[in-house]
Amino acid sequence: MYALAAAESEAWLLLFPDAFPLHRPAWRVPAQWRGRDTGRRSKPKEDLEAEFRQPPFRESDGPETVEKAPDQGMLTAPCGTNRSYTDFIADLAAWQVPGRRH
């Protein structure tokens, strides 16, 4: 079971900057934020709130934003790094699925 702090969820969202305009067309992640270690942002939620004002970013936008990413193939190629995200993906890959042979 995983528990994810809210601030970390926004840091994970920043790994997929092209998902934001899929949810809110006016939202564009600044170029200087792309390709970075998103886990090093001290306040990713506040950064998003300051950047996305029209309409304003809310916590509920996170799931709605990432919901659109798989259809575009975005979750397989993060733009940047984040150790907790990488660890999570590695743990998922190691889980055994009943009925699946290794």
N, C-alpha and C. Protein backbone atom coordinates (compact mmCIF):
# COMPACT_ATOMS: atom_id res chain seq x y z
N MET A 1 0.84 -1.17 0.00
CA MET A 1 0.00 0.00 0.00
C MET A 1 0.89 1.24 0.00
N TYR A 2 0.52 2.21 -0.78
CA TYR A 2 1.28 3.45 -0.87
C TYR A 2 0.46 4.60 -0.31
N ALA A 3 1.14 5.49 0.36
CA ALA A 3 0.55 6.76 0.77
C ALA A 3 1.39 7.84 0.11
N LEU A 4 0.73 8.81 -0.47
CA LEU A 4 1.43 9.86 -1.20
C LEU A 4 1.04 11.21 -0.62
N ALA A 5 2.02 11.94 -0.15
CA ALA A 5 1.76 13.27 0.37
C ALA A 5 1.26 14.15 -0.77
N ALA A 6 0.36 15.07 -0.44
CA ALA A 6 -0.23 15.94 -1.47
C ALA A 6 0.85 16.68 -2.25
N ALA A 7 1.85 17.21 -1.57
CA ALA A 7 2.91 17.94 -2.26
C ALA A 7 3.64 17.03 -3.25
N GLU A 8 3.81 15.78 -2.88
CA GLU A 8 4.49 14.86 -3.78
C GLU A 8 3.63 14.56 -5.00
N SER A 9 2.32 14.53 -4.83
CA SER A 9 1.46 14.26 -5.99
C SER A 9 1.59 15.37 -7.03
N GLU A 10 1.69 16.61 -6.58
CA GLU A 10 1.89 17.71 -7.54
C GLU A 10 3.26 17.62 -8.19
N ALA A 11 4.27 17.18 -7.43
CA ALA A 11 5.61 16.99 -8.01
C ALA A 11 5.57 15.90 -9.08
N TRP A 12 4.80 14.86 -8.84
CA TRP A 12 4.65 13.81 -9.85
C TRP A 12 3.93 14.36 -11.07
N LEU A 13 2.90 15.17 -10.86
CA LEU A 13 2.18 15.77 -11.99
C LEU A 13 3.12 16.55 -12.91
N LEU A 14 4.08 17.23 -12.32
CA LEU A 14 5.00 18.05 -13.11
C LEU A 14 5.89 17.20 -14.03
N LEU A 15 5.92 15.89 -13.82
CA LEU A 15 6.65 15.01 -14.72
C LEU A 15 5.94 14.88 -16.08
N PHE A 16 4.69 15.32 -16.13
CA PHE A 16 3.87 15.18 -17.34
C PHE A 16 3.28 16.53 -17.73
N PRO A 17 4.15 17.48 -18.08
CA PRO A 17 3.70 18.85 -18.33
C PRO A 17 2.69 18.98 -19.47
N ASP A 18 2.74 18.08 -20.44
CA ASP A 18 1.82 18.18 -21.56
C ASP A 18 0.41 17.71 -21.22
N ALA A 19 0.23 17.13 -20.03
CA ALA A 19 -1.11 16.72 -19.60
C ALA A 19 -1.94 17.92 -19.12
N PHE A 20 -1.27 18.95 -18.63
CA PHE A 20 -2.01 20.10 -18.09
C PHE A 20 -2.93 20.76 -19.12
N PRO A 21 -2.45 21.07 -20.33
CA PRO A 21 -3.36 21.69 -21.30
C PRO A 21 -4.44 20.75 -21.81
N LEU A 22 -4.28 19.45 -21.62
CA LEU A 22 -5.36 18.53 -21.98
C LEU A 22 -6.55 18.72 -21.05
N HIS A 23 -6.25 19.07 -19.81
CA HIS A 23 -7.30 19.31 -18.81
C HIS A 23 -7.81 20.76 -18.87
N ARG A 24 -6.87 21.70 -18.94
CA ARG A 24 -7.20 23.12 -19.01
C ARG A 24 -6.35 23.72 -20.13
N PRO A 25 -6.91 23.98 -21.29
CA PRO A 25 -6.12 24.45 -22.44
C PRO A 25 -5.24 25.67 -22.18
N ALA A 26 -5.61 26.52 -21.24
CA ALA A 26 -4.80 27.72 -20.96
C ALA A 26 -3.56 27.42 -20.12
N TRP A 27 -3.50 26.25 -19.55
CA TRP A 27 -2.39 25.93 -18.66
C TRP A 27 -1.20 25.40 -19.43
N ARG A 28 -0.07 26.07 -19.29
CA ARG A 28 1.20 25.65 -19.91
C ARG A 28 2.27 25.67 -18.83
N VAL A 29 2.95 24.56 -18.66
CA VAL A 29 4.05 24.47 -17.69
C VAL A 29 5.22 25.24 -18.29
N PRO A 30 5.81 26.15 -17.52
CA PRO A 30 6.94 26.94 -18.02
C PRO A 30 8.11 26.06 -18.48
N ALA A 31 8.75 26.46 -19.53
CA ALA A 31 9.87 25.70 -20.09
C ALA A 31 10.95 25.42 -19.05
N GLN A 32 11.22 26.38 -18.17
CA GLN A 32 12.28 26.19 -17.19
C GLN A 32 11.94 25.13 -16.13
N TRP A 33 10.69 24.71 -16.05
CA TRP A 33 10.30 23.66 -15.11
C TRP A 33 10.43 22.27 -15.74
N ARG A 34 10.50 22.20 -17.05
CA ARG A 34 10.53 20.92 -17.75
C ARG A 34 11.90 20.26 -17.67
N GLY A 35 11.88 18.93 -17.60
CA GLY A 35 13.12 18.17 -17.61
C GLY A 35 13.92 18.27 -16.33
N ARG A 36 13.31 18.71 -15.26
CA ARG A 36 14.00 18.89 -13.98
C ARG A 36 13.66 17.75 -13.01
N ASP A 37 14.33 17.75 -11.88
CA ASP A 37 14.01 16.84 -10.79
C ASP A 37 12.85 17.47 -10.02
N THR A 38 11.66 16.98 -10.25
CA THR A 38 10.47 17.59 -9.64
C THR A 38 10.40 17.34 -8.13
N GLY A 39 11.13 16.35 -7.65
CA GLY A 39 11.17 16.08 -6.22
C GLY A 39 11.95 17.13 -5.44
N ARG A 40 12.68 17.96 -6.13
CA ARG A 40 13.46 19.02 -5.47
C ARG A 40 12.68 20.33 -5.33
N ARG A 41 11.50 20.40 -5.91
CA ARG A 41 10.68 21.60 -5.75
C ARG A 41 10.17 21.61 -4.31
N SER A 42 10.39 22.70 -3.61
CA SER A 42 10.00 22.73 -2.20
C SER A 42 8.49 22.87 -2.02
N LYS A 43 7.82 23.53 -2.95
CA LYS A 43 6.37 23.73 -2.82
C LYS A 43 5.69 23.61 -4.19
N PRO A 44 5.63 22.41 -4.73
CA PRO A 44 5.08 22.26 -6.08
C PRO A 44 3.61 22.70 -6.18
N LYS A 45 2.82 22.44 -5.15
CA LYS A 45 1.42 22.85 -5.20
C LYS A 45 1.32 24.37 -5.29
N GLU A 46 2.07 25.06 -4.45
CA GLU A 46 2.05 26.52 -4.47
C GLU A 46 2.58 27.06 -5.80
N ASP A 47 3.57 26.38 -6.36
CA ASP A 47 4.09 26.78 -7.67
C ASP A 47 3.00 26.70 -8.73
N LEU A 48 2.25 25.61 -8.71
CA LEU A 48 1.16 25.44 -9.68
C LEU A 48 0.07 26.48 -9.45
N GLU A 49 -0.25 26.73 -8.20
CA GLU A 49 -1.28 27.74 -7.90
C GLU A 49 -0.86 29.12 -8.37
N ALA A 50 0.41 29.43 -8.24
CA ALA A 50 0.90 30.75 -8.68
C ALA A 50 0.94 30.85 -10.21
N GLU A 51 1.24 29.74 -10.87
CA GLU A 51 1.36 29.75 -12.33
C GLU A 51 -0.01 29.67 -13.01
N PHE A 52 -0.87 28.83 -12.49
CA PHE A 52 -2.17 28.58 -13.11
C PHE A 52 -3.26 29.32 -12.34
N ARG A 53 -3.54 30.52 -12.78
CA ARG A 53 -4.53 31.37 -12.09
C ARG A 53 -5.84 31.47 -12.84
N GLN A 54 -5.83 31.27 -14.15
CA GLN A 54 -7.04 31.40 -14.96
C GLN A 54 -7.26 30.14 -15.77
N PRO A 55 -8.05 29.25 -15.35
CA PRO A 55 -8.70 29.16 -14.06
C PRO A 55 -7.69 28.75 -12.99
N PRO A 56 -8.01 28.99 -11.74
CA PRO A 56 -7.06 28.67 -10.67
C PRO A 56 -6.87 27.16 -10.49
N PHE A 57 -5.63 26.78 -10.20
CA PHE A 57 -5.32 25.38 -9.91
C PHE A 57 -5.88 25.01 -8.53
N ARG A 58 -6.54 23.85 -8.47
CA ARG A 58 -7.06 23.31 -7.21
C ARG A 58 -6.54 21.88 -7.07
N GLU A 59 -6.50 21.38 -5.85
CA GLU A 59 -6.05 20.00 -5.64
C GLU A 59 -6.84 19.02 -6.49
N SER A 60 -8.12 19.27 -6.66
CA SER A 60 -8.95 18.35 -7.45
C SER A 60 -8.57 18.32 -8.92
N ASP A 61 -7.78 19.29 -9.38
CA ASP A 61 -7.32 19.28 -10.77
C ASP A 61 -6.28 18.20 -11.02
N GLY A 62 -5.58 17.76 -9.97
CA GLY A 62 -4.53 16.76 -10.15
C GLY A 62 -5.03 15.47 -10.78
N PRO A 63 -6.00 14.80 -10.15
CA PRO A 63 -6.50 13.56 -10.75
C PRO A 63 -7.12 13.77 -12.13
N GLU A 64 -7.81 14.89 -12.31
CA GLU A 64 -8.43 15.16 -13.60
C GLU A 64 -7.38 15.40 -14.68
N THR A 65 -6.25 15.97 -14.30
CA THR A 65 -5.17 16.22 -15.25
C THR A 65 -4.50 14.91 -15.66
N VAL A 66 -4.13 14.11 -14.69
CA VAL A 66 -3.42 12.87 -15.00
C VAL A 66 -4.33 11.84 -15.66
N GLU A 67 -5.62 11.96 -15.45
CA GLU A 67 -6.58 11.04 -16.06
C GLU A 67 -6.49 11.06 -17.59
N LYS A 68 -6.13 12.18 -18.16
CA LYS A 68 -6.06 12.32 -19.61
C LYS A 68 -4.72 11.86 -20.20
N ALA A 69 -3.73 11.72 -19.35
CA ALA A 69 -2.38 11.40 -19.82
C ALA A 69 -2.21 10.02 -20.45
N PRO A 70 -2.80 8.95 -19.89
CA PRO A 70 -2.55 7.63 -20.48
C PRO A 70 -2.98 7.52 -21.94
N ASP A 71 -4.10 8.13 -22.30
CA ASP A 71 -4.57 8.06 -23.68
C ASP A 71 -3.60 8.68 -24.66
N GLN A 72 -2.75 9.57 -24.17
CA GLN A 72 -1.76 10.23 -25.01
C GLN A 72 -0.38 9.57 -24.90
N GLY A 73 -0.29 8.48 -24.15
CA GLY A 73 0.98 7.77 -23.98
C GLY A 73 1.98 8.49 -23.10
N MET A 74 1.51 9.44 -22.31
CA MET A 74 2.41 10.28 -21.53
C MET A 74 3.02 9.60 -20.31
N LEU A 75 2.33 8.64 -19.72
CA LEU A 75 2.82 8.08 -18.47
C LEU A 75 4.03 7.18 -18.65
N THR A 76 4.34 6.83 -19.87
CA THR A 76 5.51 5.97 -20.11
C THR A 76 6.79 6.77 -20.31
N ALA A 77 6.67 8.07 -20.46
CA ALA A 77 7.86 8.89 -20.72
C ALA A 77 7.81 10.19 -19.91
N PRO A 78 8.15 10.12 -18.62
CA PRO A 78 8.15 11.35 -17.83
C PRO A 78 9.16 12.37 -18.36
N CYS A 79 8.82 13.62 -18.19
CA CYS A 79 9.68 14.73 -18.61
C CYS A 79 10.37 15.26 -17.35
N GLY A 80 11.49 14.67 -17.02
CA GLY A 80 12.18 15.02 -15.79
C GLY A 80 12.37 13.79 -14.94
N THR A 81 12.76 14.02 -13.70
CA THR A 81 12.99 12.90 -12.78
C THR A 81 12.32 13.19 -11.44
N ASN A 82 12.09 12.12 -10.70
CA ASN A 82 11.56 12.20 -9.36
C ASN A 82 11.82 10.85 -8.72
N ARG A 83 12.65 10.81 -7.69
CA ARG A 83 13.05 9.53 -7.11
C ARG A 83 11.87 8.73 -6.58
N SER A 84 10.93 9.38 -5.90
CA SER A 84 9.80 8.63 -5.36
C SER A 84 8.94 8.04 -6.47
N TYR A 85 8.79 8.76 -7.58
CA TYR A 85 8.03 8.24 -8.71
C TYR A 85 8.76 7.04 -9.33
N THR A 86 10.06 7.17 -9.51
CA THR A 86 10.86 6.07 -10.06
C THR A 86 10.78 4.84 -9.17
N ASP A 87 10.88 5.04 -7.86
CA ASP A 87 10.76 3.92 -6.91
C ASP A 87 9.39 3.27 -7.00
N PHE A 88 8.36 4.08 -7.10
CA PHE A 88 7.00 3.56 -7.21
C PHE A 88 6.83 2.71 -8.46
N ILE A 89 7.31 3.21 -9.59
CA ILE A 89 7.19 2.46 -10.85
C ILE A 89 7.98 1.15 -10.77
N ALA A 90 9.16 1.19 -10.15
CA ALA A 90 9.95 -0.04 -9.99
C ALA A 90 9.22 -1.04 -9.10
N ASP A 91 8.59 -0.56 -8.04
CA ASP A 91 7.82 -1.44 -7.16
C ASP A 91 6.63 -2.05 -7.91
N LEU A 92 5.96 -1.25 -8.71
CA LEU A 92 4.84 -1.78 -9.50
C LEU A 92 5.31 -2.88 -10.44
N ALA A 93 6.44 -2.66 -11.07
CA ALA A 93 6.98 -3.65 -12.02
C ALA A 93 7.33 -4.96 -11.32
N ALA A 94 7.69 -4.88 -10.03
CA ALA A 94 8.08 -6.07 -9.29
C ALA A 94 6.89 -6.84 -8.71
N TRP A 95 5.73 -6.23 -8.67
CA TRP A 95 4.56 -6.92 -8.12
C TRP A 95 4.20 -8.09 -9.01
N GLN A 96 3.82 -9.16 -8.38
CA GLN A 96 3.41 -10.33 -9.13
C GLN A 96 1.91 -10.30 -9.34
N VAL A 97 1.52 -10.52 -10.56
CA VAL A 97 0.11 -10.57 -10.91
C VAL A 97 -0.32 -12.03 -10.87
N PRO A 98 -1.40 -12.36 -10.13
CA PRO A 98 -1.84 -13.75 -10.10
C PRO A 98 -2.08 -14.28 -11.51
N GLY A 99 -1.55 -15.48 -11.76
CA GLY A 99 -1.73 -16.10 -13.06
C GLY A 99 -0.70 -15.73 -14.09
N ARG A 100 0.17 -14.75 -13.77
CA ARG A 100 1.20 -14.33 -14.71
C ARG A 100 2.50 -15.06 -14.38
N ARG A 101 3.12 -15.61 -15.39
CA ARG A 101 4.38 -16.32 -15.16
C ARG A 101 5.55 -15.38 -15.39
N HIS A 102 6.58 -15.53 -14.58
CA HIS A 102 7.79 -14.69 -14.69
C HIS A 102 8.89 -15.47 -15.34
